[in-house]
Amino acid sequence: MEETSDEGRFVFLAAANGHILSLQRVPERKSVKNRVHLDIRVGDLGTATDAVLALDGTWDGNERALDDARWRTLGDPEGNEFDIYVSAG
Protein backbone atom coordinates (compact mmCIF):
# COMPACT_ATOMS: atom_id res chain seq x y z
CA MET A 1 0.00 0.00 0.00
CA GLU A 2 1.31 3.49 -0.81
CA GLU A 3 0.06 6.82 0.56
CA THR A 4 1.35 10.38 0.27
CA SER A 5 1.14 13.44 2.51
CA ASP A 6 2.05 17.13 2.35
CA GLU A 7 1.68 17.36 -1.46
CA GLY A 8 3.87 14.32 -2.07
CA ARG A 9 6.77 15.38 0.16
CA PHE A 10 6.18 12.22 2.21
CA VAL A 11 5.55 8.74 0.77
CA PHE A 12 4.45 5.92 3.04
CA LEU A 13 4.94 2.32 1.95
CA ALA A 14 2.97 -0.08 4.14
CA ALA A 15 3.28 -3.86 4.28
CA ALA A 16 0.47 -6.23 5.20
CA ASN A 17 2.26 -7.06 8.49
CA GLY A 18 1.86 -3.47 9.71
CA HIS A 19 5.39 -2.20 9.05
CA ILE A 20 5.54 1.20 7.36
CA LEU A 21 8.50 2.73 5.53
CA SER A 22 8.18 6.50 5.17
CA LEU A 23 10.29 8.42 2.66
CA GLN A 24 10.64 12.21 2.79
CA ARG A 25 11.80 14.45 -0.05
CA VAL A 26 13.94 17.38 1.12
CA PRO A 27 15.17 20.33 -0.96
CA GLU A 28 18.66 20.69 0.48
CA ARG A 29 21.64 18.57 -0.49
CA LYS A 30 23.34 16.53 2.19
CA SER A 31 26.95 17.56 2.61
CA VAL A 32 28.05 14.91 5.12
CA LYS A 33 27.00 11.50 6.44
CA ASN A 34 24.15 9.45 4.99
CA ARG A 35 21.47 10.42 2.48
CA VAL A 36 18.88 8.04 3.97
CA HIS A 37 16.73 9.34 6.79
CA LEU A 38 14.48 6.71 8.39
CA ASP A 39 11.16 7.51 10.05
CA ILE A 40 10.26 4.71 12.48
CA ARG A 41 6.73 4.38 13.86
CA VAL A 42 6.72 3.60 17.58
CA GLY A 43 4.03 2.96 20.16
CA ASP A 44 5.18 5.69 22.56
CA LEU A 45 7.58 8.58 21.88
CA GLY A 46 8.82 8.80 25.48
CA THR A 47 9.61 5.10 25.82
CA ALA A 48 11.32 4.94 22.42
CA THR A 49 13.33 8.11 23.10
CA ASP A 50 14.52 6.71 26.43
CA ALA A 51 15.61 3.48 24.71
CA VAL A 52 17.63 5.39 22.09
CA LEU A 53 19.27 7.60 24.72
CA ALA A 54 20.18 4.52 26.79
CA LEU A 55 22.09 3.25 23.73
CA ASP A 56 24.12 6.52 23.53
CA GLY A 57 21.85 8.10 20.95
CA THR A 58 20.92 11.78 20.99
CA TRP A 59 17.76 13.90 20.87
CA ASP A 60 17.62 17.64 20.19
CA GLY A 61 14.75 18.06 22.68
CA ASN A 62 12.19 19.15 20.06
CA GLU A 63 8.92 17.47 19.18
CA ARG A 64 7.28 18.26 15.85
CA ALA A 65 3.83 17.64 14.36
CA LEU A 66 2.12 17.43 10.98
CA ASP A 67 -1.50 16.41 10.56
CA ASP A 68 -2.09 13.57 13.06
CA ALA A 69 1.60 12.64 13.42
CA ARG A 70 4.07 13.73 16.13
CA TRP A 71 7.78 12.98 15.83
CA ARG A 72 11.21 13.50 17.32
CA THR A 73 14.50 13.64 15.43
CA LEU A 74 17.14 11.48 17.10
CA GLY A 75 20.71 10.56 16.26
CA ASP A 76 22.63 7.33 16.54
CA PRO A 77 26.05 7.34 18.27
CA GLU A 78 27.73 8.18 14.94
CA GLY A 79 25.47 11.19 14.31
CA ASN A 80 23.16 9.70 11.68
CA GLU A 81 19.70 11.22 12.12
CA PHE A 82 16.37 9.39 12.11
CA ASP A 83 12.87 10.16 13.30
CA ILE A 84 10.59 8.23 15.61
CA TYR A 85 6.90 9.04 15.31
CA VAL A 86 3.41 8.23 16.51
CA SER A 87 0.32 8.67 14.37
CA ALA A 88 -3.36 7.97 14.75
CA GLY A 89 -3.55 7.03 11.06
C-alpha atoms as a PDB file:
ATOM      1  CA  MET A   1       0.000   0.000   0.000  1.00  0.00           C
ATOM      2  CA  GLU A   2       1.311   3.488  -0.805  1.00  0.00           C
ATOM      3  CA  GLU A   3       0.057   6.819   0.564  1.00  0.00           C
ATOM      4  CA  THR A   4       1.352  10.376   0.265  1.00  0.00           C
ATOM      5  CA  SER A   5       1.135  13.436   2.513  1.00  0.00           C
ATOM      6  CA  ASP A   6       2.050  17.130   2.346  1.00  0.00           C
ATOM      7  CA  GLU A   7       1.676  17.363  -1.458  1.00  0.00           C
ATOM      8  CA  GLY A   8       3.868  14.323  -2.072  1.00  0.00           C
ATOM      9  CA  ARG A   9       6.771  15.379   0.160  1.00  0.00           C
ATOM     10  CA  PHE A  10       6.184  12.221   2.211  1.00  0.00           C
ATOM     11  CA  VAL A  11       5.551   8.744   0.767  1.00  0.00           C
ATOM     12  CA  PHE A  12       4.445   5.915   3.039  1.00  0.00           C
ATOM     13  CA  LEU A  13       4.941   2.315   1.953  1.00  0.00           C
ATOM     14  CA  ALA A  14       2.965  -0.083   4.140  1.00  0.00           C
ATOM     15  CA  ALA A  15       3.282  -3.858   4.281  1.00  0.00           C
ATOM     16  CA  ALA A  16       0.470  -6.233   5.204  1.00  0.00           C
ATOM     17  CA  ASN A  17       2.260  -7.058   8.488  1.00  0.00           C
ATOM     18  CA  GLY A  18       1.863  -3.466   9.709  1.00  0.00           C
ATOM     19  CA  HIS A  19       5.388  -2.202   9.045  1.00  0.00           C
ATOM     20  CA  ILE A  20       5.544   1.202   7.357  1.00  0.00           C
ATOM     21  CA  LEU A  21       8.501   2.731   5.526  1.00  0.00           C
ATOM     22  CA  SER A  22       8.180   6.504   5.173  1.00  0.00           C
ATOM     23  CA  LEU A  23      10.293   8.418   2.661  1.00  0.00           C
ATOM     24  CA  GLN A  24      10.640  12.208   2.788  1.00  0.00           C
ATOM     25  CA  ARG A  25      11.804  14.452  -0.049  1.00  0.00           C
ATOM     26  CA  VAL A  26      13.939  17.379   1.116  1.00  0.00           C
ATOM     27  CA  PRO A  27      15.167  20.335  -0.961  1.00  0.00           C
ATOM     28  CA  GLU A  28      18.662  20.694   0.478  1.00  0.00           C
ATOM     29  CA  ARG A  29      21.639  18.570  -0.488  1.00  0.00           C
ATOM     30  CA  LYS A  30      23.339  16.530   2.192  1.00  0.00           C
ATOM     31  CA  SER A  31      26.948  17.560   2.607  1.00  0.00           C
ATOM     32  CA  VAL A  32      28.050  14.914   5.116  1.00  0.00           C
ATOM     33  CA  LYS A  33      26.997  11.502   6.438  1.00  0.00           C
ATOM     34  CA  ASN A  34      24.153   9.454   4.993  1.00  0.00           C
ATOM     35  CA  ARG A  35      21.465  10.421   2.485  1.00  0.00           C
ATOM     36  CA  VAL A  36      18.884   8.040   3.971  1.00  0.00           C
ATOM     37  CA  HIS A  37      16.726   9.337   6.786  1.00  0.00           C
ATOM     38  CA  LEU A  38      14.483   6.714   8.393  1.00  0.00           C
ATOM     39  CA  ASP A  39      11.156   7.506  10.051  1.00  0.00           C
ATOM     40  CA  ILE A  40      10.256   4.714  12.483  1.00  0.00           C
ATOM     41  CA  ARG A  41       6.730   4.376  13.861  1.00  0.00           C
ATOM     42  CA  VAL A  42       6.721   3.599  17.583  1.00  0.00           C
ATOM     43  CA  GLY A  43       4.032   2.962  20.163  1.00  0.00           C
ATOM     44  CA  ASP A  44       5.177   5.692  22.556  1.00  0.00           C
ATOM     45  CA  LEU A  45       7.581   8.576  21.880  1.00  0.00           C
ATOM     46  CA  GLY A  46       8.824   8.797  25.475  1.00  0.00           C
ATOM     47  CA  THR A  47       9.612   5.104  25.822  1.00  0.00           C
ATOM     48  CA  ALA A  48      11.324   4.943  22.419  1.00  0.00           C
ATOM     49  CA  THR A  49      13.330   8.114  23.103  1.00  0.00           C
ATOM     50  CA  ASP A  50      14.521   6.708  26.435  1.00  0.00           C
ATOM     51  CA  ALA A  51      15.608   3.477  24.713  1.00  0.00           C
ATOM     52  CA  VAL A  52      17.630   5.385  22.089  1.00  0.00           C
ATOM     53  CA  LEU A  53      19.267   7.599  24.717  1.00  0.00           C
ATOM     54  CA  ALA A  54      20.182   4.515  26.787  1.00  0.00           C
ATOM     55  CA  LEU A  55      22.094   3.255  23.732  1.00  0.00           C
ATOM     56  CA  ASP A  56      24.122   6.521  23.532  1.00  0.00           C
ATOM     57  CA  GLY A  57      21.851   8.097  20.947  1.00  0.00           C
ATOM     58  CA  THR A  58      20.919  11.778  20.994  1.00  0.00           C
ATOM     59  CA  TRP A  59      17.759  13.900  20.875  1.00  0.00           C
ATOM     60  CA  ASP A  60      17.619  17.644  20.189  1.00  0.00           C
ATOM     61  CA  GLY A  61      14.748  18.058  22.683  1.00  0.00           C
ATOM     62  CA  ASN A  62      12.194  19.146  20.059  1.00  0.00           C
ATOM     63  CA  GLU A  63       8.923  17.466  19.183  1.00  0.00           C
ATOM     64  CA  ARG A  64       7.282  18.255  15.849  1.00  0.00           C
ATOM     65  CA  ALA A  65       3.826  17.636  14.364  1.00  0.00           C
ATOM     66  CA  LEU A  66       2.123  17.429  10.976  1.00  0.00           C
ATOM     67  CA  ASP A  67      -1.504  16.412  10.560  1.00  0.00           C
ATOM     68  CA  ASP A  68      -2.090  13.572  13.060  1.00  0.00           C
ATOM     69  CA  ALA A  69       1.604  12.640  13.424  1.00  0.00           C
ATOM     70  CA  ARG A  70       4.066  13.727  16.134  1.00  0.00           C
ATOM     71  CA  TRP A  71       7.783  12.979  15.833  1.00  0.00           C
ATOM     72  CA  ARG A  72      11.207  13.498  17.322  1.00  0.00           C
ATOM     73  CA  THR A  73      14.501  13.638  15.429  1.00  0.00           C
ATOM     74  CA  LEU A  74      17.142  11.484  17.095  1.00  0.00           C
ATOM     75  CA  GLY A  75      20.714  10.557  16.257  1.00  0.00           C
ATOM     76  CA  ASP A  76      22.628   7.327  16.538  1.00  0.00           C
ATOM     77  CA  PRO A  77      26.048   7.341  18.265  1.00  0.00           C
ATOM     78  CA  GLU A  78      27.729   8.185  14.938  1.00  0.00           C
ATOM     79  CA  GLY A  79      25.471  11.192  14.314  1.00  0.00           C
ATOM     80  CA  ASN A  80      23.158   9.702  11.677  1.00  0.00           C
ATOM     81  CA  GLU A  81      19.699  11.223  12.118  1.00  0.00           C
ATOM     82  CA  PHE A  82      16.374   9.388  12.108  1.00  0.00           C
ATOM     83  CA  ASP A  83      12.870  10.159  13.302  1.00  0.00           C
ATOM     84  CA  ILE A  84      10.587   8.227  15.615  1.00  0.00           C
ATOM     85  CA  TYR A  85       6.901   9.038  15.312  1.00  0.00           C
ATOM     86  CA  VAL A  86       3.406   8.229  16.510  1.00  0.00           C
ATOM     87  CA  SER A  87       0.320   8.673  14.375  1.00  0.00           C
ATOM     88  CA  ALA A  88      -3.360   7.967  14.751  1.00  0.00           C
ATOM     89  CA  GLY A  89      -3.548   7.027  11.055  1.00  0.00           C
END
